[in-house]
Amino acid sequence: MGKLNFRWAINQALDEEMTRDAKVVLLGEDIGRAGGTFGLTRGLYEKYGEWRVKDSPLSEEGLMGTAVGLAIAGYRPVIEIMFMDFITIAMEQLVNQAAKTNFVSGGKITIPLVVRTLGGGGFRGGSHHSQSLEAWFTHVPGLKVVYPSNPEDAKGLLKSAIRDDHPVLFIEHKSLLSLKGEAPDEEYTIPIGKAKIVCKGEHLTILSYGKMVHVCLEGANELEKKGIKAEVIDLRTLLPLDVETIIQSVKKTNHVLIVHEAAKNSGFGAEISALISEQAIYDLDAPVKRLAGLFSTIPVGNAEDFLYPTVLQIIQTAEELVL
């Protein structure tokens, strides 16, 4: 095991998969000579050339449509939508074409497409560069939605996404790009659809993904000092969801707290809460609690910090549930 930066975990995964499979091609705005707005594709243009690392025009719709066509033609395109907010421009191609083509062709056509995009706050970019829209896409049959929280998972899951024969939305939280963590030195992949218990506990289950996993872990550390042992689960994949791991933990702890950065209204936490109510309601000793972002347009600058769940809120909510 060695130390790996989140940014370079993404870069390494792309590099290794491009070396392994000549059909893997990259497309996106400024990903070529510039190496990407956040340096995520740095060095790949020089190594693989302009035909495999292609700068695209400023047209997300055209970019997505080109990628769908490449996938149908037998390539494995990995495209970068610079900010998740911009994916709205490409919804038709992603939701109505990429996600449905395998089904409407009777399984004859596969769409091995990865859409990488940066989600969440932390960039201080305001209303058009900071949204968390992942819940939208978990409502679309035919898509897979992946949201890693650390370098090891980011690399292993991205490699699996590139090898998948179906379209995968791969979300990278922009404030985690400089995060360092341990990762295996040798070749590895992480299966899509499997959650990870990152902190074992017996009194409370805390479910989260992306950046909020780290906030939850801080909260769990403080709760342990108070005698409350929280089990923190990093979902890693939202679609497909690892229902088995969630339900097993709920049956053990009998208390549930769901934490995510996206707005609470119709957020992914509501889907998890409903799932638990359907499959484990008699194992609960208290109602499921959700902590999520405020239902607000995201302001520019430091004011955005007031929108998101905090360690203190996690501690207070956990104590209300358990004590």
C-alpha atoms as a PDB file:
ATOM      1  CA  MET A   1       0.000   0.000   0.000  1.00  0.00           C
ATOM      2  CA  GLY A   2       1.201   3.484  -0.832  1.00  0.00           C
ATOM      3  CA  LYS A   3      -0.117   7.038  -0.492  1.00  0.00           C
ATOM      4  CA  LEU A   4      -2.171   8.292  -3.402  1.00  0.00           C
ATOM      5  CA  ASN A   5      -3.782  11.648  -4.095  1.00  0.00           C
ATOM      6  CA  PHE A   6      -7.454  11.568  -5.251  1.00  0.00           C
ATOM      7  CA  ARG A   7      -6.585  13.595  -8.344  1.00  0.00           C
ATOM      8  CA  TRP A   8      -3.825  11.190  -9.338  1.00  0.00           C
ATOM      9  CA  ALA A   9      -6.000   8.176  -8.530  1.00  0.00           C
ATOM     10  CA  ILE A  10      -8.313   9.322 -11.336  1.00  0.00           C
ATOM     11  CA  ASN A  11      -5.359  10.018 -13.613  1.00  0.00           C
ATOM     12  CA  GLN A  12      -3.768   6.621 -12.933  1.00  0.00           C
ATOM     13  CA  ALA A  13      -7.018   4.771 -13.552  1.00  0.00           C
ATOM     14  CA  LEU A  14      -7.427   6.469 -16.921  1.00  0.00           C
ATOM     15  CA  ASP A  15      -3.793   5.839 -17.827  1.00  0.00           C
ATOM     16  CA  GLU A  16      -3.871   2.153 -16.872  1.00  0.00           C
ATOM     17  CA  GLU A  17      -7.133   1.486 -18.714  1.00  0.00           C
ATOM     18  CA  MET A  18      -5.936   3.296 -21.838  1.00  0.00           C
ATOM     19  CA  THR A  19      -2.807   1.143 -21.808  1.00  0.00           C
ATOM     20  CA  ARG A  20      -4.849  -2.020 -21.253  1.00  0.00           C
ATOM     21  CA  ASP A  21      -7.462  -1.325 -23.937  1.00  0.00           C
ATOM     22  CA  ALA A  22      -6.830   0.693 -27.109  1.00  0.00           C
ATOM     23  CA  LYS A  23     -10.592   1.246 -27.450  1.00  0.00           C
ATOM     24  CA  VAL A  24     -10.623   3.541 -24.380  1.00  0.00           C
ATOM     25  CA  VAL A  25     -10.743   7.165 -25.550  1.00  0.00           C
ATOM     26  CA  LEU A  26     -11.113  10.418 -23.626  1.00  0.00           C
ATOM     27  CA  LEU A  27     -13.186  13.421 -24.658  1.00  0.00           C
ATOM     28  CA  GLY A  28     -13.858  16.696 -22.883  1.00  0.00           C
ATOM     29  CA  GLU A  29     -13.331  20.413 -22.730  1.00  0.00           C
ATOM     30  CA  ASP A  30      -9.664  21.331 -22.143  1.00  0.00           C
ATOM     31  CA  ILE A  31      -8.634  17.773 -21.273  1.00  0.00           C
ATOM     32  CA  GLY A  32      -5.918  17.578 -23.956  1.00  0.00           C
ATOM     33  CA  ARG A  33      -2.919  19.903 -23.988  1.00  0.00           C
ATOM     34  CA  ALA A  34      -4.239  21.761 -20.938  1.00  0.00           C
ATOM     35  CA  GLY A  35      -4.461  18.523 -18.930  1.00  0.00           C
ATOM     36  CA  GLY A  36      -7.948  19.299 -17.655  1.00  0.00           C
ATOM     37  CA  THR A  37      -9.294  22.246 -15.675  1.00  0.00           C
ATOM     38  CA  PHE A  38      -8.304  20.497 -12.434  1.00  0.00           C
ATOM     39  CA  GLY A  39      -5.295  18.616 -13.838  1.00  0.00           C
ATOM     40  CA  LEU A  40      -7.079  15.267 -13.886  1.00  0.00           C
ATOM     41  CA  THR A  41      -5.898  14.274 -17.387  1.00  0.00           C
ATOM     42  CA  ARG A  42      -2.426  15.757 -17.149  1.00  0.00           C
ATOM     43  CA  GLY A  43       0.167  13.917 -19.261  1.00  0.00           C
ATOM     44  CA  LEU A  44      -2.309  11.696 -21.099  1.00  0.00           C
ATOM     45  CA  TYR A  45      -2.431  13.812 -24.259  1.00  0.00           C
ATOM     46  CA  GLU A  46       1.349  13.625 -24.582  1.00  0.00           C
ATOM     47  CA  LYS A  47       1.331   9.870 -24.006  1.00  0.00           C
ATOM     48  CA  TYR A  48      -1.621   8.790 -26.167  1.00  0.00           C
ATOM     49  CA  GLY A  49      -1.997  11.568 -28.705  1.00  0.00           C
ATOM     50  CA  GLU A  50      -4.850  13.746 -29.913  1.00  0.00           C
ATOM     51  CA  TRP A  51      -6.918  10.885 -31.360  1.00  0.00           C
ATOM     52  CA  ARG A  52      -7.349   9.215 -27.964  1.00  0.00           C
ATOM     53  CA  VAL A  53      -7.373  12.336 -25.762  1.00  0.00           C
ATOM     54  CA  LYS A  54      -9.661  14.695 -27.631  1.00  0.00           C
ATOM     55  CA  ASP A  55     -10.513  18.277 -26.761  1.00  0.00           C
ATOM     56  CA  SER A  56     -14.175  18.937 -27.503  1.00  0.00           C
ATOM     57  CA  PRO A  57     -16.034  22.134 -28.419  1.00  0.00           C
ATOM     58  CA  LEU A  58     -17.952  23.946 -25.679  1.00  0.00           C
ATOM     59  CA  SER A  59     -21.047  21.838 -26.245  1.00  0.00           C
ATOM     60  CA  GLU A  60     -22.002  19.269 -23.623  1.00  0.00           C
ATOM     61  CA  GLU A  61     -24.856  18.048 -25.791  1.00  0.00           C
ATOM     62  CA  GLY A  62     -22.525  17.459 -28.726  1.00  0.00           C
ATOM     63  CA  LEU A  63     -19.935  15.853 -26.459  1.00  0.00           C
ATOM     64  CA  MET A  64     -22.435  13.392 -25.008  1.00  0.00           C
ATOM     65  CA  GLY A  65     -23.897  12.577 -28.404  1.00  0.00           C
ATOM     66  CA  THR A  66     -20.451  11.919 -29.846  1.00  0.00           C
ATOM     67  CA  ALA A  67     -19.655   9.619 -26.942  1.00  0.00           C
ATOM     68  CA  VAL A  68     -22.854   7.615 -27.447  1.00  0.00           C
ATOM     69  CA  GLY A  69     -21.964   7.192 -31.108  1.00  0.00           C
ATOM     70  CA  LEU A  70     -18.436   6.073 -30.261  1.00  0.00           C
ATOM     71  CA  ALA A  71     -19.794   3.529 -27.775  1.00  0.00           C
ATOM     72  CA  ILE A  72     -22.164   2.113 -30.373  1.00  0.00           C
ATOM     73  CA  ALA A  73     -19.210   1.863 -32.785  1.00  0.00           C
ATOM     74  CA  GLY A  74     -17.260  -0.296 -30.333  1.00  0.00           C
ATOM     75  CA  TYR A  75     -15.143   2.203 -28.425  1.00  0.00           C
ATOM     76  CA  ARG A  76     -15.134   2.821 -24.678  1.00  0.00           C
ATOM     77  CA  PRO A  77     -15.396   6.612 -24.381  1.00  0.00           C
ATOM     78  CA  VAL A  78     -14.736   8.356 -21.082  1.00  0.00           C
ATOM     79  CA  ILE A  79     -16.016  11.910 -21.225  1.00  0.00           C
ATOM     80  CA  GLU A  80     -15.568  14.726 -18.755  1.00  0.00           C
ATOM     81  CA  ILE A  81     -18.401  17.134 -17.987  1.00  0.00           C
ATOM     82  CA  MET A  82     -16.427  19.858 -16.244  1.00  0.00           C
ATOM     83  CA  PHE A  83     -19.097  20.617 -13.608  1.00  0.00           C
ATOM     84  CA  MET A  84     -22.134  18.489 -12.809  1.00  0.00           C
ATOM     85  CA  ASP A  85     -24.366  21.523 -13.311  1.00  0.00           C
ATOM     86  CA  PHE A  86     -23.533  21.439 -17.034  1.00  0.00           C
ATOM     87  CA  ILE A  87     -24.862  17.908 -17.433  1.00  0.00           C
ATOM     88  CA  THR A  88     -28.355  19.387 -17.714  1.00  0.00           C
ATOM     89  CA  ILE A  89     -27.467  20.442 -21.267  1.00  0.00           C
ATOM     90  CA  ALA A  90     -26.730  16.807 -22.175  1.00  0.00           C
ATOM     91  CA  MET A  91     -29.687  15.127 -20.459  1.00  0.00           C
ATOM     92  CA  GLU A  92     -31.373  14.050 -23.695  1.00  0.00           C
ATOM     93  CA  GLN A  93     -28.336  12.159 -24.946  1.00  0.00           C
ATOM     94  CA  LEU A  94     -27.535  10.576 -21.572  1.00  0.00           C
ATOM     95  CA  VAL A  95     -31.006   9.744 -20.267  1.00  0.00           C
ATOM     96  CA  ASN A  96     -32.924   9.018 -23.471  1.00  0.00           C
ATOM     97  CA  GLN A  97     -30.162   7.594 -25.666  1.00  0.00           C
ATOM     98  CA  ALA A  98     -27.262   6.144 -23.650  1.00  0.00           C
ATOM     99  CA  ALA A  99     -29.440   4.677 -20.889  1.00  0.00           C
ATOM    100  CA  LYS A 100     -32.078   3.155 -23.184  1.00  0.00           C
ATOM    101  CA  THR A 101     -30.226   1.904 -26.264  1.00  0.00           C
ATOM    102  CA  ASN A 102     -29.361  -1.522 -24.848  1.00  0.00           C
ATOM    103  CA  PHE A 103     -32.993  -2.135 -23.885  1.00  0.00           C
ATOM    104  CA  VAL A 104     -34.639  -0.883 -27.085  1.00  0.00           C
ATOM    105  CA  SER A 105     -32.166  -2.858 -29.209  1.00  0.00           C
ATOM    106  CA  GLY A 106     -33.080  -6.070 -27.415  1.00  0.00           C
ATOM    107  CA  GLY A 107     -29.596  -6.276 -25.902  1.00  0.00           C
ATOM    108  CA  LYS A 108     -27.888  -6.178 -29.296  1.00  0.00           C
ATOM    109  CA  ILE A 109     -26.210  -2.791 -28.701  1.00  0.00           C
ATOM    110  CA  THR A 110     -24.183  -1.962 -25.591  1.00  0.00           C
ATOM    111  CA  ILE A 111     -23.140   1.514 -24.483  1.00  0.00           C
ATOM    112  CA  PRO A 112     -19.827   1.210 -22.564  1.00  0.00           C
ATOM    113  CA  LEU A 113     -19.719   4.911 -21.693  1.00  0.00           C
ATOM    114  CA  VAL A 114     -18.326   6.643 -18.600  1.00  0.00           C
ATOM    115  CA  VAL A 115     -19.381  10.198 -17.794  1.00  0.00           C
ATOM    116  CA  ARG A 116     -16.977  11.753 -15.294  1.00  0.00           C
ATOM    117  CA  THR A 117     -18.113  14.942 -13.634  1.00  0.00           C
ATOM    118  CA  LEU A 118     -17.331  17.126 -10.629  1.00  0.00           C
ATOM    119  CA  GLY A 119     -20.124  17.549  -8.099  1.00  0.00           C
ATOM    120  CA  GLY A 120     -20.734  19.251  -4.782  1.00  0.00           C
ATOM    121  CA  GLY A 121     -19.543  22.421  -3.113  1.00  0.00           C
ATOM    122  CA  GLY A 122     -16.137  23.543  -1.937  1.00  0.00           C
ATOM    123  CA  PHE A 123     -15.114  25.422  -5.084  1.00  0.00           C
ATOM    124  CA  ARG A 124     -17.005  28.552  -3.979  1.00  0.00           C
ATOM    125  CA  GLY A 125     -18.447  28.610  -7.489  1.00  0.00           C
ATOM    126  CA  GLY A 126     -22.010  29.607  -6.651  1.00  0.00           C
ATOM    127  CA  SER A 127     -25.273  28.530  -8.181  1.00  0.00           C
ATOM    128  CA  HIS A 128     -24.030  27.150 -11.516  1.00  0.00           C
ATOM    129  CA  HIS A 129     -20.922  25.229 -10.432  1.00  0.00           C
ATOM    130  CA  SER A 130     -21.760  23.639  -7.071  1.00  0.00           C
ATOM    131  CA  GLN A 131     -24.887  21.514  -7.268  1.00  0.00           C
ATOM    132  CA  SER A 132     -25.336  17.906  -6.120  1.00  0.00           C
ATOM    133  CA  LEU A 133     -27.725  16.348  -8.647  1.00  0.00           C
ATOM    134  CA  GLU A 134     -26.949  12.652  -8.199  1.00  0.00           C
ATOM    135  CA  ALA A 135     -30.492  11.718  -7.127  1.00  0.00           C
ATOM    136  CA  TRP A 136     -31.840  12.685 -10.561  1.00  0.00           C
ATOM    137  CA  PHE A 137     -29.921   9.908 -12.243  1.00  0.00           C
ATOM    138  CA  THR A 138     -30.772   7.133  -9.781  1.00  0.00           C
ATOM    139  CA  HIS A 139     -34.289   7.393 -11.251  1.00  0.00           C
ATOM    140  CA  VAL A 140     -33.108   6.310 -14.715  1.00  0.00           C
ATOM    141  CA  PRO A 141     -33.107   2.585 -15.614  1.00  0.00           C
ATOM    142  CA  GLY A 142     -30.027   1.677 -17.621  1.00  0.00           C
ATOM    143  CA  LEU A 143     -27.622   4.006 -15.819  1.00  0.00           C
ATOM    144  CA  LYS A 144     -25.187   3.277 -13.003  1.00  0.00           C
ATOM    145  CA  VAL A 145     -24.230   6.023 -10.540  1.00  0.00           C
ATOM    146  CA  VAL A 146     -20.912   5.914  -8.664  1.00  0.00           C
ATOM    147  CA  TYR A 147     -19.738   8.422  -6.035  1.00  0.00           C
ATOM    148  CA  PRO A 148     -16.397   7.554  -4.334  1.00  0.00           C
ATOM    149  CA  SER A 149     -15.087   9.241  -1.180  1.00  0.00           C
ATOM    150  CA  ASN A 150     -11.361   8.430  -1.255  1.00  0.00           C
ATOM    151  CA  PRO A 151      -8.445   7.798  -3.647  1.00  0.00           C
ATOM    152  CA  GLU A 152      -8.434   3.998  -3.358  1.00  0.00           C
ATOM    153  CA  ASP A 153     -12.120   3.712  -4.194  1.00  0.00           C
ATOM    154  CA  ALA A 154     -11.914   6.362  -6.890  1.00  0.00           C
ATOM    155  CA  LYS A 155      -9.247   4.452  -8.786  1.00  0.00           C
ATOM    156  CA  GLY A 156     -10.736   0.988  -8.350  1.00  0.00           C
ATOM    157  CA  LEU A 157     -14.279   2.062  -9.160  1.00  0.00           C
ATOM    158  CA  LEU A 158     -13.265   4.121 -12.200  1.00  0.00           C
ATOM    159  CA  LYS A 159     -11.415   1.139 -13.645  1.00  0.00           C
ATOM    160  CA  SER A 160     -14.519  -1.004 -13.136  1.00  0.00           C
ATOM    161  CA  ALA A 161     -16.704   1.688 -14.690  1.00  0.00           C
ATOM    162  CA  ILE A 162     -14.533   1.831 -17.814  1.00  0.00           C
ATOM    163  CA  ARG A 163     -14.749  -1.957 -18.193  1.00  0.00           C
ATOM    164  CA  ASP A 164     -18.543  -1.972 -17.697  1.00  0.00           C
ATOM    165  CA  ASP A 165     -20.696  -2.482 -20.781  1.00  0.00           C
ATOM    166  CA  HIS A 166     -23.335  -0.008 -19.611  1.00  0.00           C
ATOM    167  CA  PRO A 167     -23.274   3.785 -19.118  1.00  0.00           C
ATOM    168  CA  VAL A 168     -21.864   4.899 -15.770  1.00  0.00           C
ATOM    169  CA  LEU A 169     -22.143   8.358 -14.227  1.00  0.00           C
ATOM    170  CA  PHE A 170     -18.972   8.768 -12.165  1.00  0.00           C
ATOM    171  CA  ILE A 171     -19.125  11.701  -9.731  1.00  0.00           C
ATOM    172  CA  GLU A 172     -15.984  13.186  -8.183  1.00  0.00           C
ATOM    173  CA  HIS A 173     -16.444  15.664  -5.333  1.00  0.00           C
ATOM    174  CA  LYS A 174     -14.347  18.687  -6.211  1.00  0.00           C
ATOM    175  CA  SER A 175     -13.242  19.377  -2.629  1.00  0.00           C
ATOM    176  CA  LEU A 176     -11.731  15.870  -2.372  1.00  0.00           C
ATOM    177  CA  LEU A 177      -9.306  16.240  -5.296  1.00  0.00           C
ATOM    178  CA  SER A 178      -6.339  16.970  -3.001  1.00  0.00           C
ATOM    179  CA  LEU A 179      -7.234  14.246  -0.484  1.00  0.00           C
ATOM    180  CA  LYS A 180      -4.489  11.700   0.117  1.00  0.00           C
ATOM    181  CA  GLY A 181      -5.057   8.118   1.156  1.00  0.00           C
ATOM    182  CA  GLU A 182      -3.685   4.621   0.957  1.00  0.00           C
ATOM    183  CA  ALA A 183      -4.155   2.551  -2.183  1.00  0.00           C
ATOM    184  CA  PRO A 184      -2.683  -0.763  -3.386  1.00  0.00           C
ATOM    185  CA  ASP A 185       0.395  -0.482  -5.569  1.00  0.00           C
ATOM    186  CA  GLU A 186      -0.636  -3.453  -7.694  1.00  0.00           C
ATOM    187  CA  GLU A 187      -3.475  -3.703 -10.228  1.00  0.00           C
ATOM    188  CA  TYR A 188      -6.932  -3.783  -8.619  1.00  0.00           C
ATOM    189  CA  THR A 189     -10.581  -3.001  -9.265  1.00  0.00           C
ATOM    190  CA  ILE A 190     -13.537  -2.438  -6.929  1.00  0.00           C
ATOM    191  CA  PRO A 191     -16.924  -3.887  -7.916  1.00  0.00           C
ATOM    192  CA  ILE A 192     -19.725  -1.442  -8.682  1.00  0.00           C
ATOM    193  CA  GLY A 193     -22.681  -1.924  -6.358  1.00  0.00           C
ATOM    194  CA  LYS A 194     -20.881  -2.814  -3.136  1.00  0.00           C
ATOM    195  CA  ALA A 195     -20.884  -0.509  -0.104  1.00  0.00           C
ATOM    196  CA  LYS A 196     -18.074  -0.420   2.473  1.00  0.00           C
ATOM    197  CA  ILE A 197     -18.282  -0.335   6.253  1.00  0.00           C
ATOM    198  CA  VAL A 198     -15.620   2.250   7.095  1.00  0.00           C
ATOM    199  CA  CYS A 199     -16.263   2.286  10.843  1.00  0.00           C
ATOM    200  CA  LYS A 200     -17.854  -0.556  12.783  1.00  0.00           C
ATOM    201  CA  GLY A 201     -20.416   0.177  15.480  1.00  0.00           C
ATOM    202  CA  GLU A 202     -23.374  -1.223  17.364  1.00  0.00           C
ATOM    203  CA  HIS A 203     -25.603   1.660  18.453  1.00  0.00           C
ATOM    204  CA  LEU A 204     -26.277   3.609  15.258  1.00  0.00           C
ATOM    205  CA  THR A 205     -25.935   3.205  11.477  1.00  0.00           C
ATOM    206  CA  ILE A 206     -24.770   6.305   9.583  1.00  0.00           C
ATOM    207  CA  LEU A 207     -25.132   6.097   5.800  1.00  0.00           C
ATOM    208  CA  SER A 208     -23.368   8.501   3.460  1.00  0.00           C
ATOM    209  CA  TYR A 209     -21.263   8.939   0.316  1.00  0.00           C
ATOM    210  CA  GLY A 210     -18.748  11.339  -1.218  1.00  0.00           C
ATOM    211  CA  LYS A 211     -17.335  14.128   0.921  1.00  0.00           C
ATOM    212  CA  MET A 212     -19.895  13.655   3.685  1.00  0.00           C
ATOM    213  CA  VAL A 213     -18.354  10.281   4.560  1.00  0.00           C
ATOM    214  CA  HIS A 214     -15.428  12.166   6.092  1.00  0.00           C
ATOM    215  CA  VAL A 215     -17.736  14.473   8.048  1.00  0.00           C
ATOM    216  CA  CYS A 216     -19.587  11.406   9.334  1.00  0.00           C
ATOM    217  CA  LEU A 217     -16.337   9.749  10.404  1.00  0.00           C
ATOM    218  CA  GLU A 218     -15.402  12.862  12.395  1.00  0.00           C
ATOM    219  CA  GLY A 219     -18.808  12.726  14.020  1.00  0.00           C
ATOM    220  CA  ALA A 220     -18.412   9.012  14.797  1.00  0.00           C
ATOM    221  CA  ASN A 221     -15.077   9.668  16.504  1.00  0.00           C
ATOM    222  CA  GLU A 222     -16.665  12.289  18.748  1.00  0.00           C
ATOM    223  CA  LEU A 223     -19.674  10.082  19.468  1.00  0.00           C
ATOM    224  CA  GLU A 224     -17.414   7.248  20.610  1.00  0.00           C
ATOM    225  CA  LYS A 225     -16.054   9.552  23.316  1.00  0.00           C
ATOM    226  CA  LYS A 226     -19.633   9.853  24.540  1.00  0.00           C
ATOM    227  CA  GLY A 227     -20.119   6.088  24.566  1.00  0.00           C
ATOM    228  CA  ILE A 228     -22.045   5.871  21.273  1.00  0.00           C
ATOM    229  CA  LYS A 229     -20.491   3.514  18.735  1.00  0.00           C
ATOM    230  CA  ALA A 230     -21.673   4.465  15.264  1.00  0.00           C
ATOM    231  CA  GLU A 231     -21.315   2.222  12.242  1.00  0.00           C
ATOM    232  CA  VAL A 232     -20.454   4.395   9.237  1.00  0.00           C
ATOM    233  CA  ILE A 233     -21.210   2.974   5.796  1.00  0.00           C
ATOM    234  CA  ASP A 234     -19.813   4.520   2.630  1.00  0.00           C
ATOM    235  CA  LEU A 235     -22.364   3.640  -0.054  1.00  0.00           C
ATOM    236  CA  ARG A 236     -19.819   4.251  -2.865  1.00  0.00           C
ATOM    237  CA  THR A 237     -22.444   3.300  -5.480  1.00  0.00           C
ATOM    238  CA  LEU A 238     -25.956   4.748  -5.500  1.00  0.00           C
ATOM    239  CA  LEU A 239     -27.201   2.744  -8.470  1.00  0.00           C
ATOM    240  CA  PRO A 240     -27.117  -0.199  -8.048  1.00  0.00           C
ATOM    241  CA  LEU A 241     -27.447   0.185  -4.285  1.00  0.00           C
ATOM    242  CA  ASP A 242     -26.018  -2.351  -1.824  1.00  0.00           C
ATOM    243  CA  VAL A 243     -29.289  -3.034  -0.021  1.00  0.00           C
ATOM    244  CA  GLU A 244     -27.975  -6.104   1.792  1.00  0.00           C
ATOM    245  CA  THR A 245     -25.205  -4.241   3.628  1.00  0.00           C
ATOM    246  CA  ILE A 246     -27.598  -1.468   4.640  1.00  0.00           C
ATOM    247  CA  ILE A 247     -30.297  -3.773   6.004  1.00  0.00           C
ATOM    248  CA  GLN A 248     -27.820  -5.981   7.874  1.00  0.00           C
ATOM    249  CA  SER A 249     -26.433  -2.920   9.646  1.00  0.00           C
ATOM    250  CA  VAL A 250     -29.903  -1.594  10.492  1.00  0.00           C
ATOM    251  CA  LYS A 251     -30.880  -4.939  12.012  1.00  0.00           C
ATOM    252  CA  LYS A 252     -27.773  -4.736  14.193  1.00  0.00           C
ATOM    253  CA  THR A 253     -27.939  -1.118  15.393  1.00  0.00           C
ATOM    254  CA  ASN A 254     -31.711  -0.384  15.254  1.00  0.00           C
ATOM    255  CA  HIS A 255     -31.044   3.334  14.624  1.00  0.00           C
ATOM    256  CA  VAL A 256     -30.346   5.097  11.309  1.00  0.00           C
ATOM    257  CA  LEU A 257     -28.964   8.474  10.291  1.00  0.00           C
ATOM    258  CA  ILE A 258     -28.567   9.337   6.600  1.00  0.00           C
ATOM    259  CA  VAL A 259     -26.248  12.202   5.644  1.00  0.00           C
ATOM    260  CA  HIS A 260     -25.693  13.802   2.245  1.00  0.00           C
ATOM    261  CA  GLU A 261     -24.741  17.191   0.832  1.00  0.00           C
ATOM    262  CA  ALA A 262     -27.561  17.366  -1.728  1.00  0.00           C
ATOM    263  CA  ALA A 263     -30.778  19.122  -0.748  1.00  0.00           C
ATOM    264  CA  LYS A 264     -33.057  17.132   1.532  1.00  0.00           C
ATOM    265  CA  ASN A 265     -36.124  17.552  -0.694  1.00  0.00           C
ATOM    266  CA  SER A 266     -36.346  14.411  -2.873  1.00  0.00           C
ATOM    267  CA  GLY A 267     -32.691  13.692  -2.087  1.00  0.00           C
ATOM    268  CA  PHE A 268     -31.252  10.184  -2.264  1.00  0.00           C
ATOM    269  CA  GLY A 269     -31.646   9.868   1.491  1.00  0.00           C
ATOM    270  CA  ALA A 270     -35.414   9.691   1.000  1.00  0.00           C
ATOM    271  CA  GLU A 271     -35.004   6.600  -1.186  1.00  0.00           C
ATOM    272  CA  ILE A 272     -32.834   4.907   1.459  1.00  0.00           C
ATOM    273  CA  SER A 273     -35.285   5.830   4.220  1.00  0.00           C
ATOM    274  CA  ALA A 274     -38.198   4.357   2.262  1.00  0.00           C
ATOM    275  CA  LEU A 275     -36.200   1.210   1.554  1.00  0.00           C
ATOM    276  CA  ILE A 276     -35.448   0.717   5.249  1.00  0.00           C
ATOM    277  CA  SER A 277     -39.101   1.316   6.141  1.00  0.00           C
ATOM    278  CA  GLU A 278     -40.156  -1.373   3.677  1.00  0.00           C
ATOM    279  CA  GLN A 279     -37.585  -3.994   4.658  1.00  0.00           C
ATOM    280  CA  ALA A 280     -36.594  -3.342   8.272  1.00  0.00           C
ATOM    281  CA  ILE A 281     -39.189  -1.141   9.951  1.00  0.00           C
ATOM    282  CA  TYR A 282     -39.699  -3.574  12.843  1.00  0.00           C
ATOM    283  CA  ASP A 283     -35.969  -3.483  13.563  1.00  0.00           C
ATOM    284  CA  LEU A 284     -36.038   0.274  14.184  1.00  0.00           C
ATOM    285  CA  ASP A 285     -36.197   1.681  17.695  1.00  0.00           C
ATOM    286  CA  ALA A 286     -36.668   5.224  16.372  1.00  0.00           C
ATOM    287  CA  PRO A 287     -37.619   6.901  13.083  1.00  0.00           C
ATOM    288  CA  VAL A 288     -34.947   7.214  10.400  1.00  0.00           C
ATOM    289  CA  LYS A 289     -33.303  10.655  10.516  1.00  0.00           C
ATOM    290  CA  ARG A 290     -31.896  12.593   7.561  1.00  0.00           C
ATOM    291  CA  LEU A 291     -29.296  15.366   7.574  1.00  0.00           C
ATOM    292  CA  ALA A 292     -28.894  17.049   4.212  1.00  0.00           C
ATOM    293  CA  GLY A 293     -28.173  20.303   2.439  1.00  0.00           C
ATOM    294  CA  LEU A 294     -30.633  23.154   2.782  1.00  0.00           C
ATOM    295  CA  PHE A 295     -33.198  23.563   0.018  1.00  0.00           C
ATOM    296  CA  SER A 296     -31.553  26.694  -1.280  1.00  0.00           C
ATOM    297  CA  THR A 297     -29.815  28.102  -4.327  1.00  0.00           C
ATOM    298  CA  ILE A 298     -26.096  27.906  -3.597  1.00  0.00           C
ATOM    299  CA  PRO A 299     -24.487  31.282  -2.856  1.00  0.00           C
ATOM    300  CA  VAL A 300     -21.040  32.399  -3.999  1.00  0.00           C
ATOM    301  CA  GLY A 301     -18.146  32.207  -1.529  1.00  0.00           C
ATOM    302  CA  ASN A 302     -17.933  30.985   2.068  1.00  0.00           C
ATOM    303  CA  ALA A 303     -21.671  31.404   2.624  1.00  0.00           C
ATOM    304  CA  GLU A 304     -22.184  27.999   0.999  1.00  0.00           C
ATOM    305  CA  ASP A 305     -20.740  26.342   4.115  1.00  0.00           C
ATOM    306  CA  PHE A 306     -23.940  27.147   6.015  1.00  0.00           C
ATOM    307  CA  LEU A 307     -25.905  24.888   3.651  1.00  0.00           C
ATOM    308  CA  TYR A 308     -24.287  21.549   4.450  1.00  0.00           C
ATOM    309  CA  PRO A 309     -24.449  19.097   7.390  1.00  0.00           C
ATOM    310  CA  THR A 310     -21.784  19.568  10.067  1.00  0.00           C
ATOM    311  CA  VAL A 311     -20.064  17.341  12.600  1.00  0.00           C
ATOM    312  CA  LEU A 312     -21.982  19.074  15.406  1.00  0.00           C
ATOM    313  CA  GLN A 313     -25.305  18.362  13.705  1.00  0.00           C
ATOM    314  CA  ILE A 314     -24.362  14.703  13.307  1.00  0.00           C
ATOM    315  CA  ILE A 315     -23.472  14.440  17.000  1.00  0.00           C
ATOM    316  CA  GLN A 316     -26.671  16.168  18.142  1.00  0.00           C
ATOM    317  CA  THR A 317     -28.911  14.098  15.854  1.00  0.00           C
ATOM    318  CA  ALA A 318     -27.218  10.858  16.855  1.00  0.00           C
ATOM    319  CA  GLU A 319     -27.706  11.625  20.540  1.00  0.00           C
ATOM    320  CA  GLU A 320     -31.387  12.372  19.923  1.00  0.00           C
ATOM    321  CA  LEU A 321     -31.757   8.999  18.211  1.00  0.00           C
ATOM    322  CA  VAL A 322     -29.864   6.810  20.631  1.00  0.00           C
ATOM    323  CA  LEU A 323     -30.100   8.361  24.099  1.00  0.00           C
END
